[in-house]
Amino acid sequence: MKRFLVVMIIALLLSSAGILFAEEQGSSNPPEVVVVEQSVTAQPATEEAVITAAEVQTNADFVWTLIAAFLVFFMQAGFAMVETGFTRAKNTVNILMKNLMDMSMGALAYWAVGFAIMFGVTTTGWFGTTGFFLSDFAQDKDPWTLAFWMFQVVFAATAATIVSGAMAERTKFVAYLAYSVVISGLIYPVFGSWAWGSLYKGNGWLEGLGFIDFAGSTVVHSVGGWAALAGAIVLGPRIGKYVDGKTKAIPGHNIALGALGVFILWFGWYGFNAGSTTTATKDIALIAVNTTLAAAAGSVGAMLMSWIMFKKPEATMTLNGALAGLVGITAGCANVLPGSAILIGLIAGFIVVLSVVFVDQVLKVDDPVGAVSVHGVCGAWGTFAAGLFNAEGVTLKILGVQLIGIGAAFLWVFPTAFILFKLIKVTIGIRVSAEEELEGLDVGEHGIEAYPDFQIHPSAKGLKS
């Protein structure tokens, strides 16, 4: 037996040596093959040599713009987490569904009519009239039309989703779907055409005056914020929010989710601001630095202000402060210096705390996540600050145009959204029943609970034996 094994091992070694020898012979054999490979690889090198620097830049612009669009899309997850964390557990599914569907419904509406109204050819400067259903691409096959639409549609969805938080915990789901279509397809694009139309084929009256709003403090955030204010007013406060004239706090159920949402939004904001160059240039470095410093200063400002007012460094205010700083720098991220970005963010942090208290306790408008203050008020501040801290100098004309833009946004968005919500209220209804609101919208609107293994009914005071 041992002899047999020895013979087998020797045979295997010999056969392996033979295979290796054959492979070596085969690999070293054909110098012709190497020559052929060299001739094959030499051809692409010739083709690459004819690619111009302009074509490389164009390709880089496409890549950068689309990556930025994907970053802004990811912000939808951030909004969903912020709103979920800052509201009660019994409405979690409803919050997530609204954030998913305002992106979905909004994208379809923006494809059909919104993009054309915002960037189509115009003779009046008030709205575009060409390019419906993305027909521009069908005509000229220019792929930039697709890349630019991709970047702009996520902005439209951002404006729509801002409203979700202010109307949380008492809005009919079908009413919210109807609203999402109108703001994405009409309200946001009309104002956008005034300020940004010339980025494609339009020519808005506001941008003709010299209005500065590089990435959308007003165009996106104030538009969403003023629509949120209209919705919250028409909807009314949540049950238990104001009792006998006194304001009662209704805390959210998961600050960890809220904090995660803020970090996601901060990350996505680099696509929002730096991506608004829509070109892969060195300018994005300054924009990214300004975005970072303003967000940092905003959170510090809100923390200090809440510490002074509430005797504690309040977490939700500090988280909103970071968002306030981001909203504040969005308009001027490309035309202010880093030191100015810190001031803009710091002041936005102060403003958001004061505004949240004012809206909640003086106006008595129930805004569960502070959307009106973060996006509407700080968006207006950021737009004014873009002119005030302009690195190339400030004039009364610049400040005047900035104020005109801020006022025009409010005068267009708030009344239009208010009428829209009133129409929804008298037709399909805007608010759920009191019983459904108390039970939670997850069960009443969607037939499912986000946390089925936990007791989250409002009547529950704890586990009973």
Protein backbone atom coordinates (compact mmCIF):
# COMPACT_ATOMS: atom_id res chain seq x y z
CA MET A 1 0.00 0.00 0.00
CA LYS A 2 2.83 2.38 0.94
CA ARG A 3 4.61 1.63 -2.31
CA PHE A 4 1.40 2.36 -4.20
CA LEU A 5 1.04 5.75 -2.49
CA VAL A 6 4.68 6.63 -3.16
CA VAL A 7 4.22 5.75 -6.83
CA MET A 8 1.06 7.88 -7.02
CA ILE A 9 2.77 10.91 -5.43
CA ILE A 10 5.75 10.65 -7.78
CA ALA A 11 3.35 10.36 -10.74
CA LEU A 12 1.43 13.46 -9.62
CA LEU A 13 4.64 15.47 -9.16
CA LEU A 14 5.86 14.49 -12.58
CA SER A 15 2.54 15.35 -14.21
CA SER A 16 2.45 18.74 -12.43
CA ALA A 17 5.98 19.49 -13.56
CA GLY A 18 4.95 18.61 -17.07
CA ILE A 19 1.96 20.96 -16.96
CA LEU A 20 4.07 23.81 -15.61
CA PHE A 21 6.69 23.19 -18.28
CA ALA A 22 4.02 23.21 -20.95
CA GLU A 23 2.50 26.47 -19.60
CA GLU A 24 5.92 28.10 -19.53
CA GLN A 25 6.56 26.98 -23.05
CA GLY A 26 3.15 28.25 -24.10
CA SER A 27 3.50 31.63 -22.42
CA SER A 28 6.95 32.32 -23.74
CA ASN A 29 6.19 30.93 -27.11
CA PRO A 30 4.41 33.57 -29.13
CA PRO A 31 6.20 36.86 -29.39
CA GLU A 32 3.79 37.37 -32.27
CA VAL A 33 0.92 37.47 -29.80
CA VAL A 34 2.60 40.27 -27.91
CA VAL A 35 3.06 42.14 -31.13
CA VAL A 36 -0.59 41.68 -31.94
CA GLU A 37 -1.63 42.96 -28.48
CA GLN A 38 0.62 45.96 -28.90
CA SER A 39 -0.94 46.77 -32.22
CA VAL A 40 -4.44 46.40 -30.74
CA THR A 41 -3.70 48.61 -27.75
CA ALA A 42 -1.97 51.21 -29.82
CA GLN A 43 -5.17 52.08 -31.69
CA PRO A 44 -7.18 53.47 -28.71
CA ALA A 45 -4.22 55.61 -27.72
CA THR A 46 -4.55 57.34 -31.06
CA GLU A 47 -8.28 57.86 -30.54
CA GLU A 48 -7.77 59.23 -27.03
CA ALA A 49 -5.33 61.74 -28.40
CA VAL A 50 -8.08 63.39 -30.44
CA ILE A 51 -10.34 63.96 -27.40
CA THR A 52 -10.21 67.65 -26.69
CA ALA A 53 -9.94 69.37 -23.36
CA ALA A 54 -13.39 70.83 -23.95
CA GLU A 55 -14.88 67.35 -24.29
CA VAL A 56 -13.21 66.22 -21.08
CA GLN A 57 -14.65 69.26 -19.32
CA THR A 58 -18.09 68.52 -20.72
CA ASN A 59 -17.97 64.94 -19.48
CA ALA A 60 -16.78 66.13 -16.07
CA ASP A 61 -19.68 68.59 -15.94
CA PHE A 62 -22.15 65.78 -16.60
CA VAL A 63 -20.63 63.55 -13.94
CA TRP A 64 -20.47 66.28 -11.33
CA THR A 65 -24.02 67.51 -11.98
CA LEU A 66 -25.49 64.02 -11.75
CA ILE A 67 -23.53 63.13 -8.60
CA ALA A 68 -24.80 66.35 -7.05
CA ALA A 69 -28.35 65.45 -8.08
CA PHE A 70 -28.00 62.08 -6.37
CA LEU A 71 -26.76 63.81 -3.21
CA VAL A 72 -29.77 66.12 -3.21
CA PHE A 73 -32.04 63.12 -3.76
CA PHE A 74 -30.52 61.53 -0.65
CA MET A 75 -31.71 64.58 1.29
CA GLN A 76 -35.22 63.14 1.00
CA ALA A 77 -34.08 60.48 3.48
CA GLY A 78 -32.84 63.26 5.73
CA PHE A 79 -36.16 65.08 5.66
CA ALA A 80 -37.96 61.80 6.36
CA MET A 81 -35.78 61.08 9.41
CA VAL A 82 -36.02 64.62 10.80
CA GLU A 83 -39.80 64.69 10.52
CA THR A 84 -40.20 61.16 11.84
CA GLY A 85 -37.99 61.78 14.84
CA PHE A 86 -39.58 65.11 15.73
CA THR A 87 -43.14 63.75 15.67
CA ARG A 88 -44.95 61.02 17.60
CA ALA A 89 -44.46 57.32 16.98
CA LYS A 90 -48.09 56.76 16.01
CA ASN A 91 -47.62 58.84 12.83
CA THR A 92 -44.32 57.40 11.61
CA VAL A 93 -45.67 55.50 8.62
CA ASN A 94 -47.65 58.53 7.50
CA ILE A 95 -44.55 60.74 7.61
CA LEU A 96 -42.51 58.25 5.60
CA MET A 97 -45.26 57.80 3.03
CA LYS A 98 -45.62 61.54 2.55
CA ASN A 99 -41.88 61.99 2.01
CA LEU A 100 -41.79 59.13 -0.47
CA MET A 101 -44.83 60.27 -2.40
CA ASP A 102 -44.02 63.96 -2.63
CA MET A 103 -40.83 62.88 -4.42
CA SER A 104 -42.76 60.44 -6.60
CA MET A 105 -45.79 62.61 -7.38
CA GLY A 106 -43.58 65.68 -7.64
CA ALA A 107 -41.22 64.05 -10.16
CA LEU A 108 -44.11 63.14 -12.45
CA ALA A 109 -45.66 66.61 -12.19
CA TYR A 110 -42.32 68.28 -12.80
CA TRP A 111 -41.70 66.07 -15.84
CA ALA A 112 -45.12 66.85 -17.29
CA VAL A 113 -45.41 70.61 -16.73
CA GLY A 114 -43.11 71.96 -14.00
CA PHE A 115 -39.83 71.90 -15.92
CA ALA A 116 -41.43 73.62 -18.91
CA ILE A 117 -42.97 76.38 -16.78
CA MET A 118 -39.67 76.96 -14.98
CA PHE A 119 -37.18 76.72 -17.84
CA GLY A 120 -39.16 76.89 -21.07
CA VAL A 121 -38.92 79.72 -23.57
CA THR A 122 -40.75 82.82 -22.33
CA THR A 123 -41.68 86.13 -23.87
CA THR A 124 -43.00 87.71 -20.68
CA GLY A 125 -40.45 86.70 -18.04
CA TRP A 126 -43.24 85.25 -15.85
CA PHE A 127 -43.32 81.57 -16.92
CA GLY A 128 -42.09 79.27 -19.68
CA THR A 129 -44.32 77.92 -22.41
CA THR A 130 -42.23 75.24 -24.15
CA GLY A 131 -40.75 71.86 -23.28
CA PHE A 132 -43.75 70.14 -21.69
CA PHE A 133 -43.31 66.41 -21.03
CA LEU A 134 -39.57 66.94 -21.54
CA SER A 135 -40.19 67.41 -25.26
CA ASP A 136 -36.98 69.44 -25.65
CA PHE A 137 -34.98 66.21 -25.50
CA ALA A 138 -37.19 64.60 -28.14
CA GLN A 139 -36.41 67.48 -30.47
CA ASP A 140 -32.65 67.89 -30.19
CA LYS A 141 -31.50 64.73 -28.34
CA ASP A 142 -29.19 66.87 -26.24
CA PRO A 143 -28.26 64.75 -23.19
CA TRP A 144 -27.66 67.92 -21.15
CA THR A 145 -31.43 68.37 -21.10
CA LEU A 146 -31.72 65.10 -19.20
CA ALA A 147 -28.86 65.85 -16.79
CA PHE A 148 -30.20 69.34 -16.07
CA TRP A 149 -33.74 68.00 -15.55
CA MET A 150 -32.37 65.39 -13.14
CA PHE A 151 -30.67 68.08 -11.07
CA GLN A 152 -33.71 70.35 -11.05
CA VAL A 153 -36.33 67.73 -10.24
CA VAL A 154 -34.72 66.94 -6.89
CA PHE A 155 -34.86 70.65 -6.05
CA ALA A 156 -38.57 70.70 -6.83
CA ALA A 157 -39.09 67.70 -4.57
CA THR A 158 -37.20 69.47 -1.79
CA ALA A 159 -39.52 72.47 -1.95
CA ALA A 160 -42.51 70.15 -1.75
CA THR A 161 -41.29 68.03 1.13
CA ILE A 162 -40.62 71.04 3.38
CA VAL A 163 -44.37 71.40 3.82
CA SER A 164 -44.74 67.87 5.13
CA GLY A 165 -43.27 68.61 8.54
CA ALA A 166 -45.42 71.68 9.22
CA MET A 167 -48.60 69.75 8.40
CA ALA A 168 -47.60 66.58 10.22
CA GLU A 169 -49.85 64.45 12.42
CA ARG A 170 -53.29 65.66 11.26
CA THR A 171 -53.39 65.92 7.42
CA LYS A 172 -55.39 63.60 5.16
CA PHE A 173 -53.02 61.60 2.99
CA VAL A 174 -55.01 62.19 -0.20
CA ALA A 175 -55.02 65.93 0.46
CA TYR A 176 -51.25 65.88 0.76
CA LEU A 177 -50.92 64.06 -2.57
CA ALA A 178 -53.01 66.72 -4.28
CA TYR A 179 -50.93 69.49 -2.77
CA SER A 180 -47.62 67.85 -3.80
CA VAL A 181 -48.67 67.81 -7.45
CA VAL A 182 -49.61 71.50 -7.46
CA ILE A 183 -46.50 72.82 -5.71
CA SER A 184 -44.15 70.71 -7.86
CA GLY A 185 -45.98 71.40 -11.09
CA LEU A 186 -47.02 75.04 -10.64
CA ILE A 187 -46.20 77.04 -7.49
CA TYR A 188 -42.48 76.25 -7.28
CA PRO A 189 -41.79 76.37 -11.05
CA VAL A 190 -43.44 79.77 -11.53
CA PHE A 191 -41.24 81.46 -8.96
CA GLY A 192 -38.26 79.44 -10.14
CA SER A 193 -38.74 80.80 -13.65
CA TRP A 194 -38.52 84.34 -12.31
CA ALA A 195 -35.14 83.73 -10.64
CA TRP A 196 -33.46 80.88 -12.56
CA GLY A 197 -35.15 80.62 -15.97
CA SER A 198 -32.06 81.68 -17.93
CA LEU A 199 -30.12 78.68 -16.64
CA TYR A 200 -31.79 76.86 -19.55
CA LYS A 201 -34.13 78.47 -22.08
CA GLY A 202 -36.09 80.92 -19.93
CA ASN A 203 -35.51 84.54 -18.96
CA GLY A 204 -37.11 85.58 -15.68
CA TRP A 205 -37.91 89.16 -14.73
CA LEU A 206 -36.35 88.85 -11.27
CA GLU A 207 -32.99 87.57 -12.44
CA GLY A 208 -32.96 90.43 -14.94
CA LEU A 209 -32.86 92.83 -11.99
CA GLY A 210 -29.71 91.13 -10.64
CA PHE A 211 -31.33 88.96 -7.97
CA ILE A 212 -28.78 86.78 -6.12
CA ASP A 213 -29.92 83.34 -5.04
CA PHE A 214 -27.27 80.90 -6.16
CA ALA A 215 -28.72 77.64 -4.82
CA GLY A 216 -32.16 78.53 -3.51
CA SER A 217 -32.50 80.12 -0.07
CA THR A 218 -35.62 81.75 -1.44
CA VAL A 219 -36.30 79.82 -4.66
CA VAL A 220 -36.45 76.49 -2.85
CA HIS A 221 -36.54 77.00 0.92
CA SER A 222 -38.64 80.11 1.38
CA VAL A 223 -41.08 78.82 -1.23
CA GLY A 224 -41.46 75.62 0.79
CA GLY A 225 -41.55 77.54 4.08
CA TRP A 226 -44.27 79.99 3.03
CA ALA A 227 -46.38 77.16 1.62
CA ALA A 228 -45.88 75.32 4.91
CA LEU A 229 -47.11 78.39 6.80
CA ALA A 230 -50.26 78.55 4.67
CA GLY A 231 -50.90 74.84 5.14
CA ALA A 232 -50.44 74.93 8.91
CA ILE A 233 -52.81 77.91 9.23
CA VAL A 234 -55.57 76.33 7.12
CA LEU A 235 -55.12 72.99 8.85
CA GLY A 236 -55.16 74.31 12.42
CA PRO A 237 -53.17 73.01 15.41
CA ARG A 238 -53.00 69.41 16.60
CA ILE A 239 -55.39 68.32 19.32
CA GLY A 240 -53.87 69.23 22.68
CA LYS A 241 -51.38 71.75 21.34
CA TYR A 242 -53.16 74.84 22.65
CA VAL A 243 -55.30 74.38 25.75
CA ASP A 244 -57.00 77.30 27.51
CA GLY A 245 -54.78 79.72 25.64
CA LYS A 246 -51.62 78.00 26.78
CA THR A 247 -49.08 76.36 24.51
CA LYS A 248 -48.21 72.76 25.29
CA ALA A 249 -45.10 71.06 23.95
CA ILE A 250 -45.68 67.81 22.04
CA PRO A 251 -42.23 66.20 21.93
CA GLY A 252 -41.08 63.93 19.15
CA HIS A 253 -40.57 60.24 19.79
CA ASN A 254 -36.99 59.69 18.58
CA ILE A 255 -34.31 62.36 18.75
CA ALA A 256 -31.78 59.88 17.38
CA LEU A 257 -33.70 59.67 14.10
CA GLY A 258 -33.98 63.46 14.04
CA ALA A 259 -30.22 63.81 14.51
CA LEU A 260 -29.53 61.23 11.81
CA GLY A 261 -31.76 63.20 9.47
CA VAL A 262 -29.83 66.40 10.14
CA PHE A 263 -26.51 64.71 9.38
CA ILE A 264 -27.93 63.30 6.14
CA LEU A 265 -29.24 66.71 5.14
CA TRP A 266 -25.92 68.36 5.91
CA PHE A 267 -24.14 65.78 3.75
CA GLY A 268 -26.65 66.17 0.91
CA TRP A 269 -26.35 69.94 1.07
CA TYR A 270 -22.92 69.71 -0.58
CA GLY A 271 -24.75 68.52 -3.67
CA PHE A 272 -27.36 71.23 -3.21
CA ASN A 273 -24.91 74.14 -3.02
CA ALA A 274 -21.70 73.01 -4.71
CA GLY A 275 -23.66 71.11 -7.33
CA SER A 276 -25.47 74.28 -8.37
CA THR A 277 -22.41 75.24 -10.37
CA THR A 278 -23.48 72.42 -12.77
CA THR A 279 -19.86 72.53 -13.88
CA ALA A 280 -16.82 70.71 -12.52
CA THR A 281 -14.78 73.78 -11.68
CA LYS A 282 -12.57 74.96 -8.84
CA ASP A 283 -15.39 77.21 -7.60
CA ILE A 284 -16.91 74.30 -5.70
CA ALA A 285 -14.13 74.47 -3.07
CA LEU A 286 -15.25 77.89 -1.78
CA ILE A 287 -18.90 76.82 -1.87
CA ALA A 288 -18.20 73.66 0.12
CA VAL A 289 -16.20 75.56 2.74
CA ASN A 290 -18.89 78.23 3.08
CA THR A 291 -21.55 75.53 3.42
CA THR A 292 -19.61 73.77 6.16
CA LEU A 293 -18.83 76.91 8.16
CA ALA A 294 -22.39 78.25 7.98
CA ALA A 295 -23.88 74.96 9.18
CA ALA A 296 -21.37 74.77 12.03
CA ALA A 297 -22.00 78.37 13.06
CA GLY A 298 -25.76 77.86 12.80
CA SER A 299 -25.74 74.97 15.24
CA VAL A 300 -23.50 76.93 17.64
CA GLY A 301 -25.74 79.98 17.41
CA ALA A 302 -28.92 78.01 18.07
CA MET A 303 -27.30 76.13 20.95
CA LEU A 304 -26.21 79.38 22.61
CA MET A 305 -29.59 81.04 22.08
CA SER A 306 -31.52 78.05 23.44
CA TRP A 307 -29.11 77.85 26.38
CA ILE A 308 -29.84 81.49 27.21
CA MET A 309 -33.61 81.19 26.76
CA PHE A 310 -34.28 77.72 28.20
CA LYS A 311 -31.30 77.33 30.56
CA LYS A 312 -30.28 74.18 28.68
CA PRO A 313 -28.46 73.55 25.37
CA GLU A 314 -31.68 72.22 23.84
CA ALA A 315 -31.03 69.44 21.32
CA THR A 316 -33.87 69.93 18.83
CA MET A 317 -33.15 73.65 18.58
CA THR A 318 -29.44 72.96 18.03
CA LEU A 319 -30.24 70.44 15.30
CA ASN A 320 -32.54 72.95 13.63
CA GLY A 321 -29.74 75.51 14.00
CA ALA A 322 -27.50 73.46 11.71
CA LEU A 323 -30.29 73.37 9.13
CA ALA A 324 -30.89 77.10 9.59
CA GLY A 325 -27.22 77.78 8.85
CA LEU A 326 -27.40 75.63 5.74
CA VAL A 327 -30.54 77.35 4.50
CA GLY A 328 -29.00 80.74 5.29
CA ILE A 329 -25.85 80.21 3.23
CA THR A 330 -27.59 78.62 0.24
CA ALA A 331 -28.24 81.91 -1.57
CA GLY A 332 -24.80 83.40 -1.07
CA CYS A 333 -22.58 80.31 -0.93
CA ALA A 334 -20.79 81.29 -4.16
CA ASN A 335 -20.41 85.05 -3.63
CA VAL A 336 -19.45 85.52 0.04
CA LEU A 337 -16.18 84.81 1.83
CA PRO A 338 -15.76 82.16 4.56
CA GLY A 339 -15.78 84.71 7.38
CA SER A 340 -19.09 86.07 6.12
CA ALA A 341 -20.46 82.53 5.90
CA ILE A 342 -19.81 82.12 9.63
CA LEU A 343 -21.70 85.31 10.41
CA ILE A 344 -24.60 84.31 8.15
CA GLY A 345 -24.85 80.89 9.79
CA LEU A 346 -24.46 82.23 13.33
CA ILE A 347 -27.23 84.80 12.87
CA ALA A 348 -29.43 82.15 11.23
CA GLY A 349 -28.94 80.04 14.36
CA PHE A 350 -30.11 82.91 16.56
CA ILE A 351 -33.03 83.67 14.27
CA VAL A 352 -34.37 80.12 14.08
CA VAL A 353 -34.76 79.81 17.86
CA LEU A 354 -36.52 83.17 18.17
CA SER A 355 -38.71 82.41 15.17
CA VAL A 356 -39.77 78.98 16.40
CA VAL A 357 -40.88 80.51 19.72
CA PHE A 358 -42.65 83.38 17.95
CA VAL A 359 -44.54 81.14 15.52
CA ASP A 360 -45.43 78.64 18.22
CA GLN A 361 -46.34 80.89 21.13
CA VAL A 362 -47.27 84.26 19.64
CA LEU A 363 -48.81 83.40 16.26
CA LYS A 364 -50.00 80.06 17.68
CA VAL A 365 -49.35 78.27 14.42
CA ASP A 366 -48.61 74.61 15.11
CA ASP A 367 -45.48 73.65 13.14
CA PRO A 368 -44.23 70.36 14.66
CA VAL A 369 -40.73 70.46 13.13
CA GLY A 370 -40.12 74.21 12.80
CA ALA A 371 -40.25 74.14 8.99
CA VAL A 372 -41.60 77.68 8.67
CA SER A 373 -38.75 79.10 10.75
CA VAL A 374 -35.93 76.99 9.32
CA HIS A 375 -36.87 77.29 5.66
CA GLY A 376 -39.14 80.31 5.31
CA VAL A 377 -37.62 82.80 7.77
CA CYS A 378 -33.98 81.71 7.49
CA GLY A 379 -34.37 81.46 3.73
CA ALA A 380 -35.39 85.11 3.66
CA TRP A 381 -32.47 86.03 5.92
CA GLY A 382 -30.01 84.12 3.76
CA THR A 383 -31.26 85.80 0.60
CA PHE A 384 -30.81 89.26 2.12
CA ALA A 385 -27.41 88.24 3.51
CA ALA A 386 -26.25 87.16 0.04
CA GLY A 387 -26.46 90.82 -0.97
CA LEU A 388 -25.32 92.25 2.36
CA PHE A 389 -22.12 90.17 2.48
CA ASN A 390 -21.44 90.17 -1.27
CA ALA A 391 -17.66 89.81 -1.65
CA GLU A 392 -17.58 92.21 -4.59
CA GLY A 393 -19.28 94.95 -2.60
CA VAL A 394 -22.75 95.94 -1.54
CA THR A 395 -24.99 98.73 -2.76
CA LEU A 396 -28.50 99.88 -1.94
CA LYS A 397 -29.58 98.60 -5.35
CA ILE A 398 -28.33 95.09 -4.55
CA LEU A 399 -30.10 95.08 -1.18
CA GLY A 400 -33.25 96.49 -2.77
CA VAL A 401 -33.36 93.75 -5.40
CA GLN A 402 -32.82 91.12 -2.72
CA LEU A 403 -35.77 92.52 -0.75
CA ILE A 404 -37.91 92.56 -3.90
CA GLY A 405 -37.13 88.89 -4.45
CA ILE A 406 -37.93 87.99 -0.84
CA GLY A 407 -41.23 89.89 -1.01
CA ALA A 408 -42.16 88.48 -4.41
CA ALA A 409 -41.69 84.94 -3.14
CA PHE A 410 -43.99 85.51 -0.19
CA LEU A 411 -46.63 87.39 -2.21
CA TRP A 412 -46.75 84.62 -4.83
CA VAL A 413 -46.45 81.52 -2.66
CA PHE A 414 -48.41 82.26 0.51
CA PRO A 415 -51.70 83.46 -1.07
CA THR A 416 -51.57 80.79 -3.81
CA ALA A 417 -50.90 78.00 -1.34
CA PHE A 418 -53.52 79.36 1.06
CA ILE A 419 -56.17 79.29 -1.67
CA LEU A 420 -55.05 75.82 -2.71
CA PHE A 421 -55.37 74.43 0.81
CA LYS A 422 -58.78 76.11 1.22
CA LEU A 423 -59.96 74.49 -2.03
CA ILE A 424 -58.71 71.11 -0.87
CA LYS A 425 -60.46 71.64 2.45
CA VAL A 426 -63.88 72.28 0.89
CA THR A 427 -63.58 69.54 -1.74
CA ILE A 428 -61.75 66.38 -0.68
CA GLY A 429 -61.13 67.50 2.91
CA ILE A 430 -57.77 68.35 4.43
CA ARG A 431 -57.88 67.06 8.02
CA VAL A 432 -58.45 63.62 9.49
CA SER A 433 -61.15 63.04 12.09
CA ALA A 434 -60.45 63.67 15.76
CA GLU A 435 -60.65 59.96 16.49
CA GLU A 436 -58.09 59.14 13.80
CA GLU A 437 -55.77 61.92 14.97
CA LEU A 438 -55.86 60.60 18.53
CA GLU A 439 -55.30 57.02 17.44
CA GLY A 440 -52.54 58.01 15.01
CA LEU A 441 -52.54 58.33 11.24
CA ASP A 442 -50.56 55.14 10.70
CA VAL A 443 -53.55 52.94 11.38
CA GLY A 444 -56.30 55.21 10.07
CA GLU A 445 -54.60 56.28 6.83
CA HIS A 446 -52.36 53.31 6.04
CA GLY A 447 -53.58 50.34 8.08
CA ILE A 448 -50.15 49.58 9.53
CA GLU A 449 -48.09 50.48 12.59
CA ALA A 450 -44.40 51.40 12.45
CA TYR A 451 -43.73 49.81 15.84
CA PRO A 452 -46.22 46.94 16.21
CA ASP A 453 -44.45 45.44 19.23
CA PHE A 454 -44.59 48.64 21.28
CA GLN A 455 -47.48 50.31 23.08
CA ILE A 456 -47.85 53.73 21.49
CA HIS A 457 -51.56 54.47 21.90
CA PRO A 458 -52.04 57.96 23.36
CA SER A 459 -54.10 56.61 26.27
CA ALA A 460 -51.27 54.36 27.36
CA LYS A 461 -49.44 55.70 30.39
CA GLY A 462 -47.15 52.73 30.71
CA LEU A 463 -47.36 49.00 31.08
CA LYS A 464 -50.21 47.88 33.27
CA SER A 465 -50.10 44.74 35.29
